[in-house]
Full PDB file with SEQRES, HELIX, SHEET, SSBOND, CRYST1, ORIGX, SCALE, CONECT and MASTER records, all heavy atoms in Angstrom:
SEQRES   1 A   33  GLN ALA PRO GLY LYS GLN ARG GLU LEU VAL ALA SER ILE          
SEQRES   2 A   33  THR GLY SER SER ARG THR THR TYR ALA ASP SER VAL LYS          
SEQRES   3 A   33  GLY ARG PHE THR ILE SER ARG                                  
HELIX    1 AA1 ASP A   23  VAL A   25  5                                   3    
SHEET    1 AA1 2 ALA A  11  ILE A  13  0                                        
SHEET    2 AA1 2 THR A  19  TYR A  21 -1                                        
CRYST1    1.000    1.000    1.000  90.00  90.00  90.00 P 1           1          
ORIGX1      1.000000  0.000000  0.000000        0.00000                         
ORIGX2      0.000000  1.000000  0.000000        0.00000                         
ORIGX3      0.000000  0.000000  1.000000        0.00000                         
SCALE1      1.000000  0.000000  0.000000        0.00000                         
SCALE2      0.000000  1.000000  0.000000        0.00000                         
SCALE3      0.000000  0.000000  1.000000        0.00000                         
ATOM      1  N   GLN A   1       0.846  -1.187   0.000  1.00  0.00           N  
ATOM      2  CA  GLN A   1       0.000   0.000   0.000  1.00  0.00           C  
ATOM      3  C   GLN A   1       0.878   1.232   0.000  1.00  0.00           C  
ATOM      4  O   GLN A   1       1.651   1.457   0.947  1.00  0.00           O  
ATOM      5  CB  GLN A   1      -0.932   0.012   1.209  1.00  0.00           C  
ATOM      6  CG  GLN A   1      -1.956   1.120   1.166  1.00  0.00           C  
ATOM      7  CD  GLN A   1      -3.062   0.923   2.180  1.00  0.00           C  
ATOM      8  OE1 GLN A   1      -2.939   0.155   3.134  1.00  0.00           O  
ATOM      9  NE2 GLN A   1      -4.168   1.604   1.980  1.00  0.00           N  
ATOM     10  N   ALA A   2       0.761   2.002  -1.058  1.00  0.00           N  
ATOM     11  CA  ALA A   2       1.489   3.262  -1.170  1.00  0.00           C  
ATOM     12  C   ALA A   2       0.612   4.388  -0.640  1.00  0.00           C  
ATOM     13  O   ALA A   2      -0.616   4.247  -0.596  1.00  0.00           O  
ATOM     14  CB  ALA A   2       1.869   3.513  -2.621  1.00  0.00           C  
ATOM     15  N   PRO A   3       1.200   5.495  -0.242  1.00  0.00           N  
ATOM     16  CA  PRO A   3       0.407   6.618   0.287  1.00  0.00           C  
ATOM     17  C   PRO A   3      -0.668   7.067  -0.698  1.00  0.00           C  
ATOM     18  O   PRO A   3      -0.396   7.281  -1.879  1.00  0.00           O  
ATOM     19  CB  PRO A   3       1.456   7.710   0.495  1.00  0.00           C  
ATOM     20  CG  PRO A   3       2.727   6.968   0.715  1.00  0.00           C  
ATOM     21  CD  PRO A   3       2.641   5.771  -0.180  1.00  0.00           C  
ATOM     22  N   GLY A   4      -1.890   7.168  -0.203  1.00  0.00           N  
ATOM     23  CA  GLY A   4      -2.985   7.621  -1.043  1.00  0.00           C  
ATOM     24  C   GLY A   4      -3.548   6.594  -1.985  1.00  0.00           C  
ATOM     25  O   GLY A   4      -4.425   6.896  -2.796  1.00  0.00           O  
ATOM     26  N   LYS A   5      -3.064   5.364  -1.899  1.00  0.00           N  
ATOM     27  CA  LYS A   5      -3.535   4.312  -2.796  1.00  0.00           C  
ATOM     28  C   LYS A   5      -4.107   3.149  -2.012  1.00  0.00           C  
ATOM     29  O   LYS A   5      -3.844   2.994  -0.817  1.00  0.00           O  
ATOM     30  CB  LYS A   5      -2.393   3.829  -3.696  1.00  0.00           C  
ATOM     31  CG  LYS A   5      -1.877   4.889  -4.664  1.00  0.00           C  
ATOM     32  CD  LYS A   5      -0.873   4.296  -5.621  1.00  0.00           C  
ATOM     33  CE  LYS A   5      -0.406   5.324  -6.644  1.00  0.00           C  
ATOM     34  NZ  LYS A   5       0.562   4.743  -7.608  1.00  0.00           N  
ATOM     35  N   GLN A   6      -4.866   2.313  -2.707  1.00  0.00           N  
ATOM     36  CA  GLN A   6      -5.432   1.139  -2.064  1.00  0.00           C  
ATOM     37  C   GLN A   6      -4.381   0.028  -1.968  1.00  0.00           C  
ATOM     38  O   GLN A   6      -3.423  -0.018  -2.744  1.00  0.00           O  
ATOM     39  CB  GLN A   6      -6.646   0.641  -2.863  1.00  0.00           C  
ATOM     40  CG  GLN A   6      -7.855   1.561  -2.797  1.00  0.00           C  
ATOM     41  CD  GLN A   6      -9.090   0.933  -3.410  1.00  0.00           C  
ATOM     42  OE1 GLN A   6      -8.997   0.050  -4.253  1.00  0.00           O  
ATOM     43  NE2 GLN A   6     -10.259   1.372  -2.992  1.00  0.00           N  
ATOM     44  N   ARG A   7      -4.601  -0.852  -1.030  1.00  0.00           N  
ATOM     45  CA  ARG A   7      -3.724  -2.007  -0.896  1.00  0.00           C  
ATOM     46  C   ARG A   7      -3.921  -2.908  -2.113  1.00  0.00           C  
ATOM     47  O   ARG A   7      -5.046  -3.154  -2.543  1.00  0.00           O  
ATOM     48  CB  ARG A   7      -4.033  -2.763   0.386  1.00  0.00           C  
ATOM     49  CG  ARG A   7      -3.031  -3.852   0.713  1.00  0.00           C  
ATOM     50  CD  ARG A   7      -3.314  -4.471   2.080  1.00  0.00           C  
ATOM     51  NE  ARG A   7      -3.182  -3.500   3.154  1.00  0.00           N  
ATOM     52  CZ  ARG A   7      -3.221  -3.824   4.451  1.00  0.00           C  
ATOM     53  NH1 ARG A   7      -3.361  -5.100   4.802  1.00  0.00           N  
ATOM     54  NH2 ARG A   7      -3.105  -2.899   5.367  1.00  0.00           N  
ATOM     55  N   GLU A   8      -2.795  -3.393  -2.662  1.00  0.00           N  
ATOM     56  CA  GLU A   8      -2.874  -4.219  -3.855  1.00  0.00           C  
ATOM     57  C   GLU A   8      -2.047  -5.478  -3.689  1.00  0.00           C  
ATOM     58  O   GLU A   8      -1.042  -5.499  -2.961  1.00  0.00           O  
ATOM     59  CB  GLU A   8      -2.363  -3.443  -5.078  1.00  0.00           C  
ATOM     60  CG  GLU A   8      -0.915  -3.017  -5.000  1.00  0.00           C  
ATOM     61  CD  GLU A   8      -0.412  -2.358  -6.273  1.00  0.00           C  
ATOM     62  OE1 GLU A   8      -1.191  -2.210  -7.227  1.00  0.00           O  
ATOM     63  OE2 GLU A   8       0.776  -1.980  -6.298  1.00  0.00           O  
ATOM     64  N   LEU A   9      -2.462  -6.523  -4.397  1.00  0.00           N  
ATOM     65  CA  LEU A   9      -1.720  -7.774  -4.382  1.00  0.00           C  
ATOM     66  C   LEU A   9      -0.427  -7.605  -5.161  1.00  0.00           C  
ATOM     67  O   LEU A   9      -0.421  -7.077  -6.278  1.00  0.00           O  
ATOM     68  CB  LEU A   9      -2.548  -8.896  -5.006  1.00  0.00           C  
ATOM     69  CG  LEU A   9      -1.817 -10.231  -5.208  1.00  0.00           C  
ATOM     70  CD1 LEU A   9      -1.515 -10.887  -3.885  1.00  0.00           C  
ATOM     71  CD2 LEU A   9      -2.637 -11.154  -6.097  1.00  0.00           C  
ATOM     72  N   VAL A  10       0.669  -8.073  -4.572  1.00  0.00           N  
ATOM     73  CA  VAL A  10       1.959  -8.087  -5.260  1.00  0.00           C  
ATOM     74  C   VAL A  10       2.235  -9.489  -5.791  1.00  0.00           C  
ATOM     75  O   VAL A  10       2.526  -9.664  -6.973  1.00  0.00           O  
ATOM     76  CB  VAL A  10       3.087  -7.652  -4.310  1.00  0.00           C  
ATOM     77  CG1 VAL A  10       4.435  -7.763  -5.016  1.00  0.00           C  
ATOM     78  CG2 VAL A  10       2.848  -6.240  -3.796  1.00  0.00           C  
ATOM     79  N   ALA A  11       2.136 -10.474  -4.909  1.00  0.00           N  
ATOM     80  CA  ALA A  11       2.407 -11.859  -5.309  1.00  0.00           C  
ATOM     81  C   ALA A  11       1.787 -12.788  -4.282  1.00  0.00           C  
ATOM     82  O   ALA A  11       1.661 -12.424  -3.107  1.00  0.00           O  
ATOM     83  CB  ALA A  11       3.902 -12.120  -5.417  1.00  0.00           C  
ATOM     84  N   SER A  12       1.407 -13.988  -4.735  1.00  0.00           N  
ATOM     85  CA  SER A  12       0.876 -14.981  -3.818  1.00  0.00           C  
ATOM     86  C   SER A  12       1.389 -16.354  -4.216  1.00  0.00           C  
ATOM     87  O   SER A  12       1.793 -16.572  -5.367  1.00  0.00           O  
ATOM     88  CB  SER A  12      -0.648 -14.965  -3.801  1.00  0.00           C  
ATOM     89  OG  SER A  12      -1.157 -15.345  -5.065  1.00  0.00           O  
ATOM     90  N   ILE A  13       1.348 -17.279  -3.246  1.00  0.00           N  
ATOM     91  CA  ILE A  13       1.821 -18.626  -3.497  1.00  0.00           C  
ATOM     92  C   ILE A  13       0.945 -19.594  -2.719  1.00  0.00           C  
ATOM     93  O   ILE A  13       0.659 -19.377  -1.540  1.00  0.00           O  
ATOM     94  CB  ILE A  13       3.314 -18.766  -3.120  1.00  0.00           C  
ATOM     95  CG1 ILE A  13       3.841 -20.155  -3.482  1.00  0.00           C  
ATOM     96  CG2 ILE A  13       3.560 -18.438  -1.653  1.00  0.00           C  
ATOM     97  CD1 ILE A  13       5.371 -20.244  -3.433  1.00  0.00           C  
ATOM     98  N   THR A  14       0.494 -20.652  -3.374  1.00  0.00           N  
ATOM     99  CA  THR A  14      -0.361 -21.629  -2.721  1.00  0.00           C  
ATOM    100  C   THR A  14       0.485 -22.668  -1.980  1.00  0.00           C  
ATOM    101  O   THR A  14       1.711 -22.669  -2.062  1.00  0.00           O  
ATOM    102  CB  THR A  14      -1.245 -22.353  -3.754  1.00  0.00           C  
ATOM    103  OG1 THR A  14      -0.392 -23.155  -4.592  1.00  0.00           O  
ATOM    104  CG2 THR A  14      -2.019 -21.362  -4.609  1.00  0.00           C  
ATOM    105  N   GLY A  15      -0.198 -23.567  -1.301  1.00  0.00           N  
ATOM    106  CA  GLY A  15       0.503 -24.621  -0.594  1.00  0.00           C  
ATOM    107  C   GLY A  15       1.282 -25.543  -1.511  1.00  0.00           C  
ATOM    108  O   GLY A  15       2.270 -26.148  -1.102  1.00  0.00           O  
ATOM    109  N   SER A  16       0.839 -25.624  -2.752  1.00  0.00           N  
ATOM    110  CA  SER A  16       1.544 -26.440  -3.741  1.00  0.00           C  
ATOM    111  C   SER A  16       2.492 -25.608  -4.595  1.00  0.00           C  
ATOM    112  O   SER A  16       2.932 -26.058  -5.650  1.00  0.00           O  
ATOM    113  CB  SER A  16       0.521 -27.153  -4.643  1.00  0.00           C  
ATOM    114  OG  SER A  16      -0.322 -26.206  -5.273  1.00  0.00           O  
ATOM    115  N   SER A  17       2.762 -24.372  -4.112  1.00  0.00           N  
ATOM    116  CA  SER A  17       3.738 -23.473  -4.746  1.00  0.00           C  
ATOM    117  C   SER A  17       3.316 -22.922  -6.102  1.00  0.00           C  
ATOM    118  O   SER A  17       4.159 -22.550  -6.912  1.00  0.00           O  
ATOM    119  CB  SER A  17       5.114 -24.147  -4.858  1.00  0.00           C  
ATOM    120  OG  SER A  17       5.649 -24.393  -3.575  1.00  0.00           O  
ATOM    121  N   ARG A  18       2.029 -22.861  -6.338  1.00  0.00           N  
ATOM    122  CA  ARG A  18       1.560 -22.167  -7.548  1.00  0.00           C  
ATOM    123  C   ARG A  18       1.575 -20.684  -7.246  1.00  0.00           C  
ATOM    124  O   ARG A  18       1.066 -20.243  -6.227  1.00  0.00           O  
ATOM    125  CB  ARG A  18       0.153 -22.630  -7.906  1.00  0.00           C  
ATOM    126  CG  ARG A  18      -0.375 -22.031  -9.203  1.00  0.00           C  
ATOM    127  CD  ARG A  18      -1.692 -22.667  -9.560  1.00  0.00           C  
ATOM    128  NE  ARG A  18      -2.715 -22.394  -8.567  1.00  0.00           N  
ATOM    129  CZ  ARG A  18      -3.891 -22.970  -8.558  1.00  0.00           C  
ATOM    130  NH1 ARG A  18      -4.213 -23.870  -9.477  1.00  0.00           N  
ATOM    131  NH2 ARG A  18      -4.774 -22.662  -7.619  1.00  0.00           N  
ATOM    132  N   THR A  19       2.149 -19.893  -8.143  1.00  0.00           N  
ATOM    133  CA  THR A  19       2.364 -18.478  -7.885  1.00  0.00           C  
ATOM    134  C   THR A  19       1.528 -17.574  -8.786  1.00  0.00           C  
ATOM    135  O   THR A  19       1.160 -17.948  -9.904  1.00  0.00           O  
ATOM    136  CB  THR A  19       3.836 -18.109  -8.070  1.00  0.00           C  
ATOM    137  OG1 THR A  19       4.243 -18.445  -9.406  1.00  0.00           O  
ATOM    138  CG2 THR A  19       4.708 -18.856  -7.079  1.00  0.00           C  
ATOM    139  N   THR A  20       1.246 -16.386  -8.267  1.00  0.00           N  
ATOM    140  CA  THR A  20       0.547 -15.334  -9.003  1.00  0.00           C  
ATOM    141  C   THR A  20       1.274 -14.030  -8.746  1.00  0.00           C  
ATOM    142  O   THR A  20       1.699 -13.771  -7.617  1.00  0.00           O  
ATOM    143  CB  THR A  20      -0.906 -15.203  -8.522  1.00  0.00           C  
ATOM    144  OG1 THR A  20      -1.582 -16.456  -8.716  1.00  0.00           O  
ATOM    145  CG2 THR A  20      -1.636 -14.122  -9.300  1.00  0.00           C  
ATOM    146  N   TYR A  21       1.412 -13.198  -9.789  1.00  0.00           N  
ATOM    147  CA  TYR A  21       2.114 -11.926  -9.662  1.00  0.00           C  
ATOM    148  C   TYR A  21       1.291 -10.793 -10.269  1.00  0.00           C  
ATOM    149  O   TYR A  21       0.591 -10.985 -11.268  1.00  0.00           O  
ATOM    150  CB  TYR A  21       3.465 -11.968 -10.379  1.00  0.00           C  
ATOM    151  CG  TYR A  21       4.467 -12.915  -9.778  1.00  0.00           C  
ATOM    152  CD1 TYR A  21       4.595 -14.214 -10.260  1.00  0.00           C  
ATOM    153  CD2 TYR A  21       5.272 -12.519  -8.724  1.00  0.00           C  
ATOM    154  CE1 TYR A  21       5.503 -15.095  -9.709  1.00  0.00           C  
ATOM    155  CE2 TYR A  21       6.194 -13.384  -8.164  1.00  0.00           C  
ATOM    156  CZ  TYR A  21       6.304 -14.669  -8.659  1.00  0.00           C  
ATOM    157  OH  TYR A  21       7.221 -15.529  -8.099  1.00  0.00           O  
ATOM    158  N   ALA A  22       1.425  -9.624  -9.683  1.00  0.00           N  
ATOM    159  CA  ALA A  22       0.886  -8.427 -10.314  1.00  0.00           C  
ATOM    160  C   ALA A  22       1.697  -8.157 -11.579  1.00  0.00           C  
ATOM    161  O   ALA A  22       2.907  -8.422 -11.618  1.00  0.00           O  
ATOM    162  CB  ALA A  22       0.987  -7.236  -9.370  1.00  0.00           C  
ATOM    163  N   ASP A  23       1.050  -7.642 -12.595  1.00  0.00           N  
ATOM    164  CA  ASP A  23       1.750  -7.364 -13.853  1.00  0.00           C  
ATOM    165  C   ASP A  23       2.938  -6.445 -13.645  1.00  0.00           C  
ATOM    166  O   ASP A  23       3.960  -6.570 -14.316  1.00  0.00           O  
ATOM    167  CB  ASP A  23       0.786  -6.739 -14.869  1.00  0.00           C  
ATOM    168  CG  ASP A  23      -0.227  -7.738 -15.401  1.00  0.00           C  
ATOM    169  OD1 ASP A  23       0.005  -8.959 -15.261  1.00  0.00           O  
ATOM    170  OD2 ASP A  23      -1.257  -7.300 -15.944  1.00  0.00           O  
ATOM    171  N   SER A  24       2.816  -5.519 -12.713  1.00  0.00           N  
ATOM    172  CA  SER A  24       3.858  -4.515 -12.502  1.00  0.00           C  
ATOM    173  C   SER A  24       5.153  -5.093 -11.933  1.00  0.00           C  
ATOM    174  O   SER A  24       6.200  -4.440 -11.989  1.00  0.00           O  
ATOM    175  CB  SER A  24       3.348  -3.416 -11.579  1.00  0.00           C  
ATOM    176  OG  SER A  24       2.965  -3.958 -10.328  1.00  0.00           O  
ATOM    177  N   VAL A  25       5.099  -6.312 -11.394  1.00  0.00           N  
ATOM    178  CA  VAL A  25       6.304  -6.886 -10.776  1.00  0.00           C  
ATOM    179  C   VAL A  25       6.784  -8.155 -11.479  1.00  0.00           C  
ATOM    180  O   VAL A  25       7.830  -8.703 -11.105  1.00  0.00           O  
ATOM    181  CB  VAL A  25       6.089  -7.181  -9.281  1.00  0.00           C  
ATOM    182  CG1 VAL A  25       5.581  -5.933  -8.565  1.00  0.00           C  
ATOM    183  CG2 VAL A  25       5.133  -8.349  -9.074  1.00  0.00           C  
ATOM    184  N   LYS A  26       6.047  -8.619 -12.464  1.00  0.00           N  
ATOM    185  CA  LYS A  26       6.447  -9.839 -13.169  1.00  0.00           C  
ATOM    186  C   LYS A  26       7.839  -9.680 -13.770  1.00  0.00           C  
ATOM    187  O   LYS A  26       8.151  -8.669 -14.383  1.00  0.00           O  
ATOM    188  CB  LYS A  26       5.433 -10.156 -14.265  1.00  0.00           C  
ATOM    189  CG  LYS A  26       4.147 -10.754 -13.761  1.00  0.00           C  
ATOM    190  CD  LYS A  26       3.187 -11.069 -14.910  1.00  0.00           C  
ATOM    191  CE  LYS A  26       1.885 -11.660 -14.397  1.00  0.00           C  
ATOM    192  NZ  LYS A  26       0.912 -11.893 -15.487  1.00  0.00           N  
ATOM    193  N   GLY A  27       8.661 -10.704 -13.570  1.00  0.00           N  
ATOM    194  CA  GLY A  27      10.024 -10.666 -14.089  1.00  0.00           C  
ATOM    195  C   GLY A  27      11.008  -9.996 -13.163  1.00  0.00           C  
ATOM    196  O   GLY A  27      12.218 -10.072 -13.378  1.00  0.00           O  
ATOM    197  N   ARG A  28      10.514  -9.314 -12.132  1.00  0.00           N  
ATOM    198  CA  ARG A  28      11.415  -8.627 -11.181  1.00  0.00           C  
ATOM    199  C   ARG A  28      11.326  -9.223  -9.782  1.00  0.00           C  
ATOM    200  O   ARG A  28      12.326  -9.274  -9.073  1.00  0.00           O  
ATOM    201  CB  ARG A  28      11.073  -7.129 -11.108  1.00  0.00           C  
ATOM    202  CG  ARG A  28      11.191  -6.399 -12.437  1.00  0.00           C  
ATOM    203  CD  ARG A  28      11.027  -4.890 -12.245  1.00  0.00           C  
ATOM    204  NE  ARG A  28       9.709  -4.525 -11.743  1.00  0.00           N  
ATOM    205  CZ  ARG A  28       9.499  -3.833 -10.617  1.00  0.00           C  
ATOM    206  NH1 ARG A  28      10.528  -3.446  -9.876  1.00  0.00           N  
ATOM    207  NH2 ARG A  28       8.274  -3.530 -10.244  1.00  0.00           N  
ATOM    208  N   PHE A  29      10.135  -9.635  -9.373  1.00  0.00           N  
ATOM    209  CA  PHE A  29       9.918 -10.182  -8.033  1.00  0.00           C  
ATOM    210  C   PHE A  29       9.692 -11.691  -8.118  1.00  0.00           C  
ATOM    211  O   PHE A  29       9.098 -12.187  -9.077  1.00  0.00           O  
ATOM    212  CB  PHE A  29       8.695  -9.550  -7.388  1.00  0.00           C  
ATOM    213  CG  PHE A  29       8.828  -8.099  -7.026  1.00  0.00           C  
ATOM    214  CD1 PHE A  29       9.901  -7.327  -7.453  1.00  0.00           C  
ATOM    215  CD2 PHE A  29       7.856  -7.485  -6.242  1.00  0.00           C  
ATOM    216  CE1 PHE A  29      10.009  -5.994  -7.129  1.00  0.00           C  
ATOM    217  CE2 PHE A  29       7.951  -6.151  -5.900  1.00  0.00           C  
ATOM    218  CZ  PHE A  29       9.021  -5.406  -6.345  1.00  0.00           C  
ATOM    219  N   THR A  30      10.127 -12.394  -7.072  1.00  0.00           N  
ATOM    220  CA  THR A  30       9.910 -13.832  -6.982  1.00  0.00           C  
ATOM    221  C   THR A  30       9.438 -14.181  -5.581  1.00  0.00           C  
ATOM    222  O   THR A  30      10.098 -13.837  -4.599  1.00  0.00           O  
ATOM    223  CB  THR A  30      11.193 -14.603  -7.288  1.00  0.00           C  
ATOM    224  OG1 THR A  30      11.657 -14.265  -8.599  1.00  0.00           O  
ATOM    225  CG2 THR A  30      10.924 -16.111  -7.232  1.00  0.00           C  
ATOM    226  N   ILE A  31       8.295 -14.847  -5.502  1.00  0.00           N  
ATOM    227  CA  ILE A  31       7.790 -15.300  -4.213  1.00  0.00           C  
ATOM    228  C   ILE A  31       8.105 -16.780  -4.054  1.00  0.00           C  
ATOM    229  O   ILE A  31       8.068 -17.547  -5.027  1.00  0.00           O  
ATOM    230  CB  ILE A  31       6.266 -15.045  -4.085  1.00  0.00           C  
ATOM    231  CG1 ILE A  31       5.797 -15.323  -2.660  1.00  0.00           C  
ATOM    232  CG2 ILE A  31       5.475 -15.866  -5.099  1.00  0.00           C  
ATOM    233  CD1 ILE A  31       4.364 -14.868  -2.378  1.00  0.00           C  
ATOM    234  N   SER A  32       8.448 -17.165  -2.829  1.00  0.00           N  
ATOM    235  CA  SER A  32       8.724 -18.572  -2.530  1.00  0.00           C  
ATOM    236  C   SER A  32       8.304 -18.850  -1.095  1.00  0.00           C  
ATOM    237  O   SER A  32       7.968 -17.916  -0.354  1.00  0.00           O  
ATOM    238  CB  SER A  32      10.212 -18.882  -2.732  1.00  0.00           C  
ATOM    239  OG  SER A  32      11.013 -18.084  -1.873  1.00  0.00           O  
ATOM    240  N   ARG A  33       8.310 -20.107  -0.723  1.00  0.00           N  
ATOM    241  CA  ARG A  33       7.927 -20.440   0.651  1.00  0.00           C  
ATOM    242  C   ARG A  33       8.653 -21.690   1.111  1.00  0.00           C  
ATOM    243  O   ARG A  33       9.033 -22.540   0.313  1.00  0.00           O  
ATOM    244  CB  ARG A  33       6.417 -20.619   0.777  1.00  0.00           C  
ATOM    245  CG  ARG A  33       5.846 -21.807   0.033  1.00  0.00           C  
ATOM    246  CD  ARG A  33       4.323 -21.797   0.062  1.00  0.00           C  
ATOM    247  NE  ARG A  33       3.780 -22.136   1.378  1.00  0.00           N  
ATOM    248  CZ  ARG A  33       2.495 -22.042   1.703  1.00  0.00           C  
ATOM    249  NH1 ARG A  33       1.628 -21.587   0.822  1.00  0.00           N  
ATOM    250  NH2 ARG A  33       2.073 -22.388   2.906  1.00  0.00           N  
TER     251      ARG A  33                                                      
MASTER        0    0    0    1    2    0    0    6  250    1    0    3          
END                                                                             
């Protein structure tokens, strides 16, 4: 959540390690668990 903006999803990962990314961070961010 940036100042003045709504909270947004950046990345998520399921129990089986399936991942989802916001378009703005694809290729730059990596989520793991």
